[in-house]
């Protein structure tokens, strides 16, 4: 890889790492990932901060990278079994607060991927909030991140 290519890649990663703003909503530390090359699904994780004095709600997400995009969470079904579930009502982002989308918890789920997610590239995602409206964000693909507390998917029921 040439120096110029490395420099462009570094600038792209830095650009995508900058928090995104939509009036009172700020997206920070966002990334997307899949389990492996050729995967049919992937997920996005981020911190969503609400700098207003009114609760807001992330109600949906959309992206051309997948046939279907939903807001998901994990439900403990007992006996060590976790089930991933669509959260139709979305996620409350409290006034003056934050809601984290993280591995093993709430997240944006991409189902029926239309292309591979490649390390260092980005995915365009439209987040829709009740109060703040639509927010288009470029989220970097990070297949190498090792989050602390990430759940093991051995007993996952999709």
N, C-alpha and C. Protein backbone atom coordinates (compact mmCIF):
# COMPACT_ATOMS: atom_id res chain seq x y z
N UNK A 1 0.85 -1.17 0.00
CA UNK A 1 0.00 0.00 0.00
C UNK A 1 0.90 1.24 0.00
N UNK A 2 0.63 2.17 -0.89
CA UNK A 2 1.46 3.37 -1.01
C UNK A 2 1.19 4.33 0.15
N UNK A 3 2.11 5.26 0.33
CA UNK A 3 1.95 6.27 1.38
C UNK A 3 0.68 7.07 1.15
N UNK A 4 0.41 7.45 -0.10
CA UNK A 4 -0.79 8.24 -0.42
C UNK A 4 -2.05 7.48 -0.06
N UNK A 5 -2.10 6.19 -0.40
CA UNK A 5 -3.27 5.37 -0.08
C UNK A 5 -3.47 5.28 1.43
N UNK A 6 -2.37 5.09 2.17
CA UNK A 6 -2.46 5.03 3.63
C UNK A 6 -2.95 6.35 4.20
N UNK A 7 -2.45 7.47 3.64
CA UNK A 7 -2.86 8.79 4.11
C UNK A 7 -4.35 9.03 3.86
N UNK A 8 -4.83 8.67 2.68
CA UNK A 8 -6.26 8.83 2.36
C UNK A 8 -7.11 7.96 3.28
N UNK A 9 -6.68 6.73 3.53
CA UNK A 9 -7.43 5.84 4.43
C UNK A 9 -7.47 6.41 5.85
N UNK A 10 -6.34 6.95 6.31
CA UNK A 10 -6.28 7.53 7.66
C UNK A 10 -7.20 8.74 7.76
N UNK A 11 -7.20 9.60 6.73
CA UNK A 11 -8.09 10.76 6.72
C UNK A 11 -9.55 10.34 6.72
N UNK A 12 -9.88 9.29 5.95
CA UNK A 12 -11.27 8.81 5.90
C UNK A 12 -11.71 8.32 7.27
N UNK A 13 -10.88 7.54 7.93
CA UNK A 13 -11.23 7.02 9.26
C UNK A 13 -11.40 8.17 10.24
N UNK A 14 -10.51 9.16 10.19
CA UNK A 14 -10.61 10.32 11.08
C UNK A 14 -11.88 11.10 10.82
N UNK A 15 -12.22 11.30 9.54
CA UNK A 15 -13.43 12.02 9.18
C UNK A 15 -14.65 11.31 9.72
N UNK A 16 -14.72 9.99 9.57
CA UNK A 16 -15.89 9.25 10.02
C UNK A 16 -15.95 9.14 11.54
N UNK A 17 -14.84 9.34 12.22
CA UNK A 17 -14.82 9.24 13.68
C UNK A 17 -15.36 10.51 14.34
N UNK A 18 -15.47 11.59 13.57
CA UNK A 18 -16.00 12.85 14.12
C UNK A 18 -17.48 12.67 14.44
N UNK A 19 -17.92 13.09 15.61
CA UNK A 19 -19.34 12.93 15.96
C UNK A 19 -20.27 13.63 14.98
N UNK A 20 -21.44 13.05 14.76
CA UNK A 20 -22.45 13.64 13.87
C UNK A 20 -23.48 14.36 14.72
N UNK A 21 -23.99 15.48 14.20
CA UNK A 21 -24.98 16.28 14.93
C UNK A 21 -26.22 16.50 14.09
N UNK A 22 -27.38 16.54 14.71
CA UNK A 22 -28.64 16.95 14.08
C UNK A 22 -29.39 17.74 15.14
N UNK A 23 -29.25 19.05 15.11
CA UNK A 23 -29.83 19.93 16.12
C UNK A 23 -29.42 19.47 17.52
N UNK A 24 -30.29 18.80 18.23
CA UNK A 24 -30.01 18.44 19.61
C UNK A 24 -29.44 17.02 19.78
N UNK A 25 -29.42 16.23 18.72
CA UNK A 25 -28.94 14.85 18.80
C UNK A 25 -27.50 14.77 18.31
N UNK A 26 -26.66 14.03 19.04
CA UNK A 26 -25.27 13.82 18.63
C UNK A 26 -24.99 12.33 18.63
N UNK A 27 -24.37 11.85 17.56
CA UNK A 27 -23.97 10.45 17.44
C UNK A 27 -22.46 10.40 17.63
N UNK A 28 -22.02 9.52 18.51
CA UNK A 28 -20.60 9.43 18.83
C UNK A 28 -20.16 7.97 18.83
N UNK A 29 -18.92 7.74 18.44
CA UNK A 29 -18.28 6.42 18.52
C UNK A 29 -19.09 5.34 17.78
N UNK A 30 -19.61 5.68 16.61
CA UNK A 30 -20.42 4.73 15.84
C UNK A 30 -19.52 3.82 15.01
N UNK A 31 -19.93 2.57 14.87
CA UNK A 31 -19.27 1.63 13.96
C UNK A 31 -20.24 0.54 13.56
N UNK A 32 -19.97 -0.09 12.41
CA UNK A 32 -20.75 -1.25 11.96
C UNK A 32 -19.82 -2.43 11.82
N UNK A 33 -20.41 -3.61 11.90
CA UNK A 33 -19.60 -4.83 11.75
C UNK A 33 -20.46 -6.01 11.33
N UNK A 34 -19.80 -7.01 10.80
CA UNK A 34 -20.41 -8.31 10.53
C UNK A 34 -19.54 -9.34 11.23
N UNK A 35 -20.06 -10.55 11.35
CA UNK A 35 -19.30 -11.61 12.01
C UNK A 35 -18.18 -12.14 11.12
N UNK A 36 -18.40 -12.11 9.79
CA UNK A 36 -17.40 -12.66 8.87
C UNK A 36 -17.69 -12.17 7.45
N UNK A 37 -16.73 -12.31 6.58
CA UNK A 37 -16.92 -11.96 5.17
C UNK A 37 -18.03 -12.83 4.59
N UNK A 38 -18.90 -12.22 3.80
CA UNK A 38 -20.01 -12.95 3.19
C UNK A 38 -21.22 -13.10 4.10
N UNK A 39 -21.18 -12.50 5.29
CA UNK A 39 -22.31 -12.60 6.22
C UNK A 39 -23.56 -12.00 5.61
N UNK A 40 -24.71 -12.50 5.99
CA UNK A 40 -26.00 -12.00 5.51
C UNK A 40 -26.56 -10.90 6.40
N UNK A 41 -25.94 -10.70 7.56
CA UNK A 41 -26.43 -9.66 8.48
C UNK A 41 -25.25 -8.94 9.12
N UNK A 42 -25.54 -7.78 9.66
CA UNK A 42 -24.55 -6.99 10.37
C UNK A 42 -25.28 -6.09 11.35
N UNK A 43 -24.52 -5.29 12.09
CA UNK A 43 -25.13 -4.43 13.09
C UNK A 43 -24.33 -3.15 13.25
N UNK A 44 -25.02 -2.10 13.71
CA UNK A 44 -24.38 -0.82 14.01
C UNK A 44 -24.53 -0.52 15.49
N UNK A 45 -23.48 0.05 16.04
CA UNK A 45 -23.43 0.39 17.46
C UNK A 45 -22.96 1.83 17.59
N UNK A 46 -23.41 2.53 18.61
CA UNK A 46 -23.07 3.95 18.77
C UNK A 46 -23.58 4.47 20.10
N UNK A 47 -23.16 5.67 20.43
CA UNK A 47 -23.72 6.40 21.56
C UNK A 47 -24.57 7.52 20.98
N UNK A 48 -25.81 7.63 21.43
CA UNK A 48 -26.71 8.68 20.96
C UNK A 48 -26.98 9.62 22.13
N UNK A 49 -26.56 10.87 21.97
CA UNK A 49 -26.73 11.86 23.02
C UNK A 49 -27.81 12.87 22.64
N UNK A 50 -28.63 13.22 23.62
CA UNK A 50 -29.72 14.17 23.41
C UNK A 50 -29.40 15.42 24.24
N UNK A 51 -29.04 16.50 23.55
CA UNK A 51 -28.67 17.73 24.24
C UNK A 51 -29.84 18.69 24.44
N UNK A 52 -31.06 18.20 24.21
CA UNK A 52 -32.24 19.06 24.41
C UNK A 52 -32.82 18.81 25.80
N UNK A 53 -33.86 19.57 26.12
CA UNK A 53 -34.53 19.39 27.41
C UNK A 53 -35.81 18.57 27.27
N UNK A 54 -35.93 17.86 26.12
CA UNK A 54 -37.09 17.01 25.86
C UNK A 54 -36.62 15.62 25.43
N UNK A 55 -37.26 14.59 25.97
CA UNK A 55 -36.94 13.24 25.52
C UNK A 55 -37.17 13.12 24.02
N UNK A 56 -36.38 12.31 23.36
CA UNK A 56 -36.58 12.00 21.95
C UNK A 56 -36.57 10.48 21.85
N UNK A 57 -36.84 9.96 20.67
CA UNK A 57 -36.89 8.51 20.48
C UNK A 57 -36.36 8.19 19.10
N UNK A 58 -35.39 7.26 19.04
CA UNK A 58 -34.95 6.72 17.76
C UNK A 58 -36.03 5.72 17.35
N UNK A 59 -36.74 6.00 16.25
CA UNK A 59 -37.88 5.16 15.88
C UNK A 59 -37.59 4.23 14.71
N UNK A 60 -36.57 4.54 13.89
CA UNK A 60 -36.23 3.64 12.79
C UNK A 60 -34.87 3.99 12.23
N UNK A 61 -34.38 3.08 11.38
CA UNK A 61 -33.12 3.28 10.67
C UNK A 61 -33.29 2.68 9.28
N UNK A 62 -32.54 3.22 8.31
CA UNK A 62 -32.61 2.72 6.94
C UNK A 62 -31.23 2.82 6.31
N UNK A 63 -30.94 1.90 5.40
CA UNK A 63 -29.67 1.91 4.68
C UNK A 63 -29.80 1.06 3.43
N UNK A 64 -29.13 1.49 2.37
CA UNK A 64 -29.14 0.71 1.12
C UNK A 64 -28.23 -0.51 1.22
N UNK A 65 -27.48 -0.66 2.31
CA UNK A 65 -26.57 -1.78 2.45
C UNK A 65 -27.31 -3.08 2.78
N UNK A 66 -28.60 -2.98 3.13
CA UNK A 66 -29.37 -4.17 3.51
C UNK A 66 -30.80 -4.09 2.99
N UNK A 67 -31.38 -5.27 2.77
CA UNK A 67 -32.77 -5.34 2.33
C UNK A 67 -33.72 -4.87 3.42
N UNK A 68 -33.32 -5.09 4.69
CA UNK A 68 -34.17 -4.73 5.82
C UNK A 68 -33.28 -4.22 6.95
N UNK A 69 -33.72 -3.13 7.60
CA UNK A 69 -32.99 -2.56 8.73
C UNK A 69 -33.99 -2.37 9.86
N UNK A 70 -33.65 -2.89 11.04
CA UNK A 70 -34.54 -2.78 12.20
C UNK A 70 -33.75 -2.40 13.44
N UNK A 71 -34.46 -1.87 14.42
CA UNK A 71 -33.89 -1.62 15.74
C UNK A 71 -34.11 -2.90 16.55
N UNK A 72 -33.04 -3.42 17.14
CA UNK A 72 -33.11 -4.70 17.86
C UNK A 72 -32.55 -4.57 19.27
N UNK A 73 -32.94 -5.52 20.10
CA UNK A 73 -32.36 -5.69 21.43
C UNK A 73 -32.25 -7.19 21.69
N UNK A 74 -31.66 -7.54 22.82
CA UNK A 74 -31.55 -8.93 23.24
C UNK A 74 -32.40 -9.14 24.48
N UNK A 75 -33.13 -10.24 24.51
CA UNK A 75 -33.99 -10.57 25.65
C UNK A 75 -33.47 -11.87 26.27
N UNK A 76 -33.28 -11.86 27.57
CA UNK A 76 -32.84 -13.05 28.29
C UNK A 76 -34.04 -13.99 28.45
N UNK A 77 -33.98 -15.14 27.80
CA UNK A 77 -35.07 -16.10 27.84
C UNK A 77 -34.90 -17.12 28.98
N UNK A 78 -33.83 -16.96 29.75
CA UNK A 78 -33.56 -17.89 30.85
C UNK A 78 -32.70 -19.05 30.39
N UNK A 79 -32.11 -19.73 31.34
CA UNK A 79 -31.26 -20.90 31.08
C UNK A 79 -30.15 -20.60 30.08
N UNK A 80 -29.63 -19.38 30.12
CA UNK A 80 -28.50 -19.02 29.27
C UNK A 80 -28.84 -18.74 27.82
N UNK A 81 -30.13 -18.65 27.49
CA UNK A 81 -30.55 -18.41 26.11
C UNK A 81 -30.96 -16.95 25.95
N UNK A 82 -30.38 -16.30 24.94
CA UNK A 82 -30.72 -14.92 24.60
C UNK A 82 -31.41 -14.93 23.25
N UNK A 83 -32.43 -14.08 23.11
CA UNK A 83 -33.17 -13.97 21.86
C UNK A 83 -33.09 -12.54 21.36
N UNK A 84 -32.75 -12.38 20.08
CA UNK A 84 -32.72 -11.05 19.48
C UNK A 84 -34.13 -10.70 19.05
N UNK A 85 -34.56 -9.46 19.36
CA UNK A 85 -35.94 -9.06 19.07
C UNK A 85 -35.99 -7.67 18.44
N UNK A 86 -36.93 -7.49 17.51
CA UNK A 86 -37.21 -6.18 16.92
C UNK A 86 -37.89 -5.32 17.98
N UNK A 87 -37.46 -4.06 18.11
CA UNK A 87 -38.05 -3.13 19.07
C UNK A 87 -38.84 -2.10 18.25
N UNK A 88 -40.12 -2.40 18.03
CA UNK A 88 -40.95 -1.56 17.16
C UNK A 88 -41.11 -0.14 17.67
N UNK A 89 -41.15 0.04 18.98
CA UNK A 89 -41.35 1.37 19.54
C UNK A 89 -40.07 2.21 19.55
N UNK A 90 -38.94 1.60 19.26
CA UNK A 90 -37.67 2.31 19.21
C UNK A 90 -37.05 2.49 20.58
N UNK A 91 -36.04 3.35 20.64
CA UNK A 91 -35.27 3.56 21.86
C UNK A 91 -35.42 5.00 22.32
N UNK A 92 -35.77 5.19 23.59
CA UNK A 92 -35.87 6.53 24.17
C UNK A 92 -34.46 7.09 24.37
N UNK A 93 -34.28 8.33 23.94
CA UNK A 93 -33.04 9.05 24.20
C UNK A 93 -33.43 10.15 25.19
N UNK A 94 -33.10 9.98 26.47
CA UNK A 94 -33.61 10.91 27.49
C UNK A 94 -33.06 12.33 27.33
N UNK A 95 -33.86 13.29 27.71
CA UNK A 95 -33.45 14.70 27.68
C UNK A 95 -32.17 14.87 28.47
N UNK A 96 -31.18 15.50 27.86
CA UNK A 96 -29.91 15.73 28.54
C UNK A 96 -29.14 14.46 28.81
N UNK A 97 -29.54 13.35 28.18
CA UNK A 97 -28.92 12.07 28.46
C UNK A 97 -28.40 11.36 27.23
N UNK A 98 -28.14 10.08 27.41
CA UNK A 98 -27.54 9.27 26.37
C UNK A 98 -28.14 7.87 26.38
N UNK A 99 -28.21 7.27 25.19
CA UNK A 99 -28.60 5.87 25.07
C UNK A 99 -27.55 5.18 24.22
N UNK A 100 -26.95 4.13 24.76
CA UNK A 100 -25.91 3.41 24.05
C UNK A 100 -26.46 2.22 23.29
N UNK A 101 -26.03 2.11 22.03
CA UNK A 101 -26.30 0.91 21.24
C UNK A 101 -25.00 0.12 21.24
N UNK A 102 -25.04 -1.09 21.82
CA UNK A 102 -23.80 -1.84 22.01
C UNK A 102 -24.01 -3.32 21.74
N UNK A 103 -22.91 -4.00 21.52
CA UNK A 103 -22.97 -5.44 21.28
C UNK A 103 -23.56 -6.13 22.51
N UNK A 104 -24.50 -7.02 22.26
CA UNK A 104 -25.17 -7.71 23.36
C UNK A 104 -26.34 -6.94 23.93
N UNK A 105 -26.63 -5.77 23.36
CA UNK A 105 -27.73 -4.95 23.83
C UNK A 105 -28.52 -4.38 22.67
N UNK A 106 -28.99 -3.16 22.82
CA UNK A 106 -29.72 -2.49 21.75
C UNK A 106 -28.76 -2.22 20.59
N UNK A 107 -29.26 -2.31 19.36
CA UNK A 107 -28.42 -2.07 18.18
C UNK A 107 -29.29 -1.88 16.94
N UNK A 108 -28.67 -1.39 15.87
CA UNK A 108 -29.31 -1.31 14.57
C UNK A 108 -28.91 -2.58 13.82
N UNK A 109 -29.90 -3.34 13.35
CA UNK A 109 -29.65 -4.63 12.69
C UNK A 109 -29.86 -4.51 11.19
N UNK A 110 -28.87 -4.94 10.42
CA UNK A 110 -28.95 -4.98 8.96
C UNK A 110 -29.17 -6.43 8.54
N UNK A 111 -30.28 -6.71 7.87
CA UNK A 111 -30.59 -8.08 7.45
C UNK A 111 -30.68 -8.15 5.93
N UNK A 112 -30.09 -9.20 5.36
CA UNK A 112 -30.06 -9.33 3.91
C UNK A 112 -29.09 -8.33 3.31
N UNK A 113 -27.84 -8.37 3.77
CA UNK A 113 -26.83 -7.43 3.26
C UNK A 113 -26.74 -7.52 1.75
N UNK A 114 -26.63 -6.37 1.10
CA UNK A 114 -26.53 -6.31 -0.36
C UNK A 114 -25.09 -6.24 -0.83
N UNK A 115 -24.15 -6.08 0.11
CA UNK A 115 -22.72 -6.09 -0.21
C UNK A 115 -21.95 -6.41 1.05
N UNK A 116 -20.70 -6.83 0.88
CA UNK A 116 -19.84 -7.09 2.03
C UNK A 116 -19.47 -5.79 2.72
N UNK A 117 -19.36 -5.83 4.04
CA UNK A 117 -18.84 -4.70 4.80
C UNK A 117 -17.34 -4.91 4.88
N UNK A 118 -16.59 -3.92 4.43
CA UNK A 118 -15.13 -4.04 4.32
C UNK A 118 -14.46 -3.08 5.29
N UNK A 119 -13.53 -3.63 6.07
CA UNK A 119 -12.78 -2.84 7.06
C UNK A 119 -12.29 -1.53 6.44
N UNK A 120 -12.55 -0.42 7.13
CA UNK A 120 -12.08 0.88 6.69
C UNK A 120 -13.05 1.63 5.79
N UNK A 121 -14.03 0.95 5.22
CA UNK A 121 -15.03 1.64 4.42
C UNK A 121 -16.11 2.18 5.36
N UNK A 122 -17.16 2.78 4.80
CA UNK A 122 -18.25 3.27 5.64
C UNK A 122 -19.59 2.89 5.05
N UNK A 123 -20.61 2.98 5.88
CA UNK A 123 -21.98 2.65 5.51
C UNK A 123 -22.83 3.89 5.81
N UNK A 124 -23.65 4.29 4.84
CA UNK A 124 -24.56 5.42 5.07
C UNK A 124 -25.85 4.89 5.69
N UNK A 125 -26.23 5.48 6.80
CA UNK A 125 -27.42 5.06 7.54
C UNK A 125 -28.25 6.30 7.85
N UNK A 126 -29.56 6.21 7.63
CA UNK A 126 -30.48 7.28 8.01
C UNK A 126 -31.17 6.86 9.30
N UNK A 127 -30.94 7.65 10.35
CA UNK A 127 -31.59 7.43 11.63
C UNK A 127 -32.78 8.38 11.71
N UNK A 128 -33.94 7.88 12.14
CA UNK A 128 -35.13 8.70 12.24
C UNK A 128 -35.54 8.83 13.71
N UNK A 129 -35.63 10.09 14.15
CA UNK A 129 -36.01 10.40 15.53
C UNK A 129 -37.38 11.07 15.53
N UNK A 130 -38.16 10.85 16.59
CA UNK A 130 -39.48 11.48 16.71
C UNK A 130 -39.40 12.99 16.67
N UNK A 131 -38.48 13.57 17.42
CA UNK A 131 -38.37 15.03 17.53
C UNK A 131 -37.36 15.62 16.54
N UNK A 132 -36.19 15.02 16.45
CA UNK A 132 -35.10 15.58 15.64
C UNK A 132 -35.24 15.26 14.15
N UNK A 133 -36.11 14.31 13.80
CA UNK A 133 -36.30 13.97 12.39
C UNK A 133 -35.21 13.05 11.87
N UNK A 134 -34.96 13.14 10.56
CA UNK A 134 -33.96 12.26 9.93
C UNK A 134 -32.56 12.81 10.09
N UNK A 135 -31.64 11.89 10.31
CA UNK A 135 -30.22 12.23 10.43
C UNK A 135 -29.43 11.20 9.63
N UNK A 136 -28.73 11.65 8.59
CA UNK A 136 -27.93 10.75 7.76
C UNK A 136 -26.51 10.75 8.32
N UNK A 137 -26.01 9.56 8.62
CA UNK A 137 -24.66 9.42 9.18
C UNK A 137 -23.85 8.43 8.35
N UNK A 138 -22.57 8.71 8.23
CA UNK A 138 -21.62 7.79 7.61
C UNK A 138 -20.95 7.05 8.76
N UNK A 139 -21.15 5.74 8.82
CA UNK A 139 -20.63 4.96 9.94
C UNK A 139 -19.50 4.06 9.43
N UNK A 140 -18.32 4.15 10.04
CA UNK A 140 -17.19 3.34 9.59
C UNK A 140 -17.39 1.86 9.91
N UNK A 141 -16.89 1.03 9.00
CA UNK A 141 -16.88 -0.42 9.22
C UNK A 141 -15.65 -0.74 10.06
N UNK A 142 -15.87 -1.39 11.21
CA UNK A 142 -14.76 -1.78 12.09
C UNK A 142 -14.97 -3.23 12.48
N UNK A 143 -14.33 -4.11 11.73
CA UNK A 143 -14.47 -5.55 11.96
C UNK A 143 -13.49 -6.05 13.01
N UNK A 144 -12.60 -5.17 13.48
CA UNK A 144 -11.54 -5.58 14.40
C UNK A 144 -11.80 -5.19 15.84
N UNK A 145 -12.78 -4.34 16.09
CA UNK A 145 -13.04 -3.84 17.44
C UNK A 145 -13.43 -4.98 18.36
N UNK A 146 -12.85 -4.98 19.54
CA UNK A 146 -13.17 -5.96 20.58
C UNK A 146 -13.79 -5.20 21.74
N UNK A 147 -15.11 -5.16 21.80
CA UNK A 147 -15.79 -4.45 22.88
C UNK A 147 -15.79 -5.28 24.14
N UNK A 148 -15.57 -4.60 25.24
CA UNK A 148 -15.67 -5.28 26.53
C UNK A 148 -17.15 -5.53 26.81
N UNK A 149 -17.46 -6.70 27.31
CA UNK A 149 -18.83 -7.02 27.65
C UNK A 149 -19.65 -7.52 26.47
N UNK A 150 -19.02 -7.71 25.31
CA UNK A 150 -19.77 -8.23 24.17
C UNK A 150 -20.26 -9.62 24.50
N UNK A 151 -21.50 -9.90 24.13
CA UNK A 151 -22.06 -11.19 24.50
C UNK A 151 -21.58 -12.29 23.58
N UNK A 152 -21.59 -13.49 24.07
CA UNK A 152 -21.27 -14.66 23.26
C UNK A 152 -22.57 -15.11 22.58
N UNK A 153 -22.49 -15.46 21.32
CA UNK A 153 -23.69 -15.78 20.55
C UNK A 153 -23.94 -17.29 20.46
N UNK A 154 -23.34 -18.09 21.30
CA UNK A 154 -23.48 -19.53 21.24
C UNK A 154 -24.93 -20.00 21.37
N UNK A 155 -25.73 -19.38 22.22
CA UNK A 155 -27.10 -19.80 22.42
C UNK A 155 -28.09 -18.77 21.88
N UNK A 156 -27.69 -18.04 20.84
CA UNK A 156 -28.55 -16.97 20.29
C UNK A 156 -29.64 -17.59 19.44
N UNK A 157 -30.88 -17.17 19.68
CA UNK A 157 -32.04 -17.59 18.88
C UNK A 157 -32.46 -16.41 18.03
N UNK A 158 -32.23 -16.49 16.72
CA UNK A 158 -32.59 -15.37 15.82
C UNK A 158 -33.99 -15.54 15.35
